[in-house]
Amino acid sequence: TKPQELKCSLELLMAELQSPSKEASAAFVQAGGPDAVFRRMNAMGQHWREEAKLGCMQLASQLVALRPEIEETVLQMNQCADEQDQQHRHHGHGHGRGVCGHAHG
């Protein structure tokens, strides 16, 4: 994804999820949207500097904080990733970060 396309996608999602109806956020959570945002927030792709300049990370953070159900899902993913990091370090498997197999949302 090009940085400008990512920014536009995040802005469109923000606009959609800001509606008073909870249907959009419920559909977003059910479709795995928080997982996609979580992975994107933790990825350092080849365009990360340009994405940072465009404010993509800030938009992603705002999107996550927009609705409690989205924020809770991403918080669970962060906790699982942290647990995996600790297990990998404890067992000498390096410092890789992965997403756990737990169901979120």
Protein backbone atom coordinates (compact mmCIF):
# COMPACT_ATOMS: atom_id res chain seq x y z
CA THR A 1 0.00 0.00 0.00
CA LYS A 2 1.28 3.41 -0.89
CA PRO A 3 1.45 5.87 2.02
CA GLN A 4 -1.12 8.28 0.56
CA GLU A 5 -3.52 5.39 -0.11
CA LEU A 6 -3.09 4.19 3.47
CA LYS A 7 -3.85 7.67 4.78
CA CYS A 8 -6.98 7.94 2.62
CA SER A 9 -8.16 4.50 3.75
CA LEU A 10 -7.70 5.40 7.40
CA GLU A 11 -9.54 8.71 6.92
CA LEU A 12 -12.45 6.93 5.21
CA LEU A 13 -12.62 4.37 8.01
CA MET A 14 -12.58 7.16 10.60
CA ALA A 15 -15.48 8.92 8.87
CA GLU A 16 -17.49 5.69 8.66
CA LEU A 17 -16.85 4.68 12.27
CA GLN A 18 -17.71 8.12 13.65
CA SER A 19 -21.37 7.68 12.77
CA PRO A 20 -23.69 7.45 15.77
CA SER A 21 -24.75 3.96 14.69
CA LYS A 22 -22.78 1.12 16.23
CA GLU A 23 -23.50 -1.08 13.22
CA ALA A 24 -20.41 0.11 11.34
CA SER A 25 -18.06 -0.55 14.25
CA ALA A 26 -19.64 -3.94 14.96
CA ALA A 27 -19.18 -4.93 11.31
CA PHE A 28 -15.61 -3.61 11.40
CA VAL A 29 -14.78 -5.72 14.47
CA GLN A 30 -16.52 -8.81 13.10
CA ALA A 31 -14.70 -8.53 9.75
CA GLY A 32 -11.29 -8.48 11.44
CA GLY A 33 -10.68 -4.75 11.00
CA PRO A 34 -8.93 -4.30 14.36
CA ASP A 35 -6.53 -7.11 13.45
CA ALA A 36 -5.65 -5.36 10.18
CA VAL A 37 -5.10 -2.04 11.97
CA PHE A 38 -3.05 -3.75 14.71
CA ARG A 39 -0.81 -5.43 12.15
CA ARG A 40 -0.40 -2.19 10.21
CA MET A 41 0.48 -0.23 13.36
CA ASN A 42 3.19 -2.78 14.17
CA ALA A 43 4.59 -3.09 10.66
CA MET A 44 7.65 -1.20 9.51
CA GLY A 45 7.31 -1.45 5.76
CA GLN A 46 9.49 0.21 3.20
CA HIS A 47 7.44 3.44 3.30
CA TRP A 48 7.26 3.89 7.06
CA ARG A 49 8.96 7.29 7.07
CA GLU A 50 6.54 8.75 4.56
CA GLU A 51 3.61 7.19 6.42
CA ALA A 52 4.87 8.83 9.61
CA LYS A 53 5.13 12.22 7.91
CA LEU A 54 1.57 11.86 6.62
CA GLY A 55 0.31 11.04 10.13
CA CYS A 56 -0.84 7.49 9.33
CA MET A 57 0.16 6.11 12.74
CA GLN A 58 -1.67 8.93 14.50
CA LEU A 59 -4.77 8.24 12.39
CA ALA A 60 -4.57 4.52 13.18
CA SER A 61 -4.29 5.30 16.89
CA GLN A 62 -7.27 7.66 16.70
CA LEU A 63 -9.27 5.03 14.82
CA VAL A 64 -8.54 2.43 17.51
CA ALA A 65 -9.57 4.84 20.29
CA LEU A 66 -12.75 5.89 18.47
CA ARG A 67 -14.93 3.05 19.73
CA PRO A 68 -14.54 1.05 22.95
CA GLU A 69 -15.15 -2.28 21.19
CA ILE A 70 -12.33 -1.57 18.73
CA GLU A 71 -9.97 -0.33 21.43
CA GLU A 72 -10.68 -3.39 23.62
CA THR A 73 -9.99 -5.78 20.73
CA VAL A 74 -6.67 -4.12 19.87
CA LEU A 75 -5.73 -4.00 23.56
CA GLN A 76 -6.26 -7.78 23.77
CA MET A 77 -4.05 -8.26 20.70
CA ASN A 78 -1.31 -6.12 22.26
CA GLN A 79 -1.49 -8.14 25.46
CA CYS A 80 -1.24 -11.43 23.56
CA ALA A 81 1.70 -10.14 21.51
CA ASP A 82 3.44 -9.04 24.71
CA GLU A 83 2.84 -12.48 26.26
CA GLN A 84 4.29 -14.13 23.16
CA ASP A 85 7.34 -11.87 23.32
CA GLN A 86 7.90 -12.85 26.94
CA GLN A 87 7.52 -16.56 26.14
CA HIS A 88 9.94 -16.30 23.23
CA ARG A 89 12.53 -14.51 25.34
CA HIS A 90 12.06 -16.97 28.20
CA HIS A 91 12.54 -19.95 25.89
CA GLY A 92 15.40 -18.37 23.93
CA HIS A 93 13.55 -18.01 20.65
CA GLY A 94 14.69 -14.47 19.92
CA HIS A 95 12.63 -11.33 20.02
CA GLY A 96 10.11 -11.98 17.25
CA ARG A 97 6.63 -10.62 17.61
CA GLY A 98 3.61 -12.50 16.42
CA VAL A 99 -0.11 -12.41 16.96
CA CYS A 100 -1.47 -15.08 19.30
CA GLY A 101 -4.04 -17.62 18.31
CA HIS A 102 -6.69 -16.31 20.70
CA ALA A 103 -10.03 -15.13 19.35
CA HIS A 104 -10.42 -11.37 19.65
CA GLY A 105 -13.60 -9.38 19.43
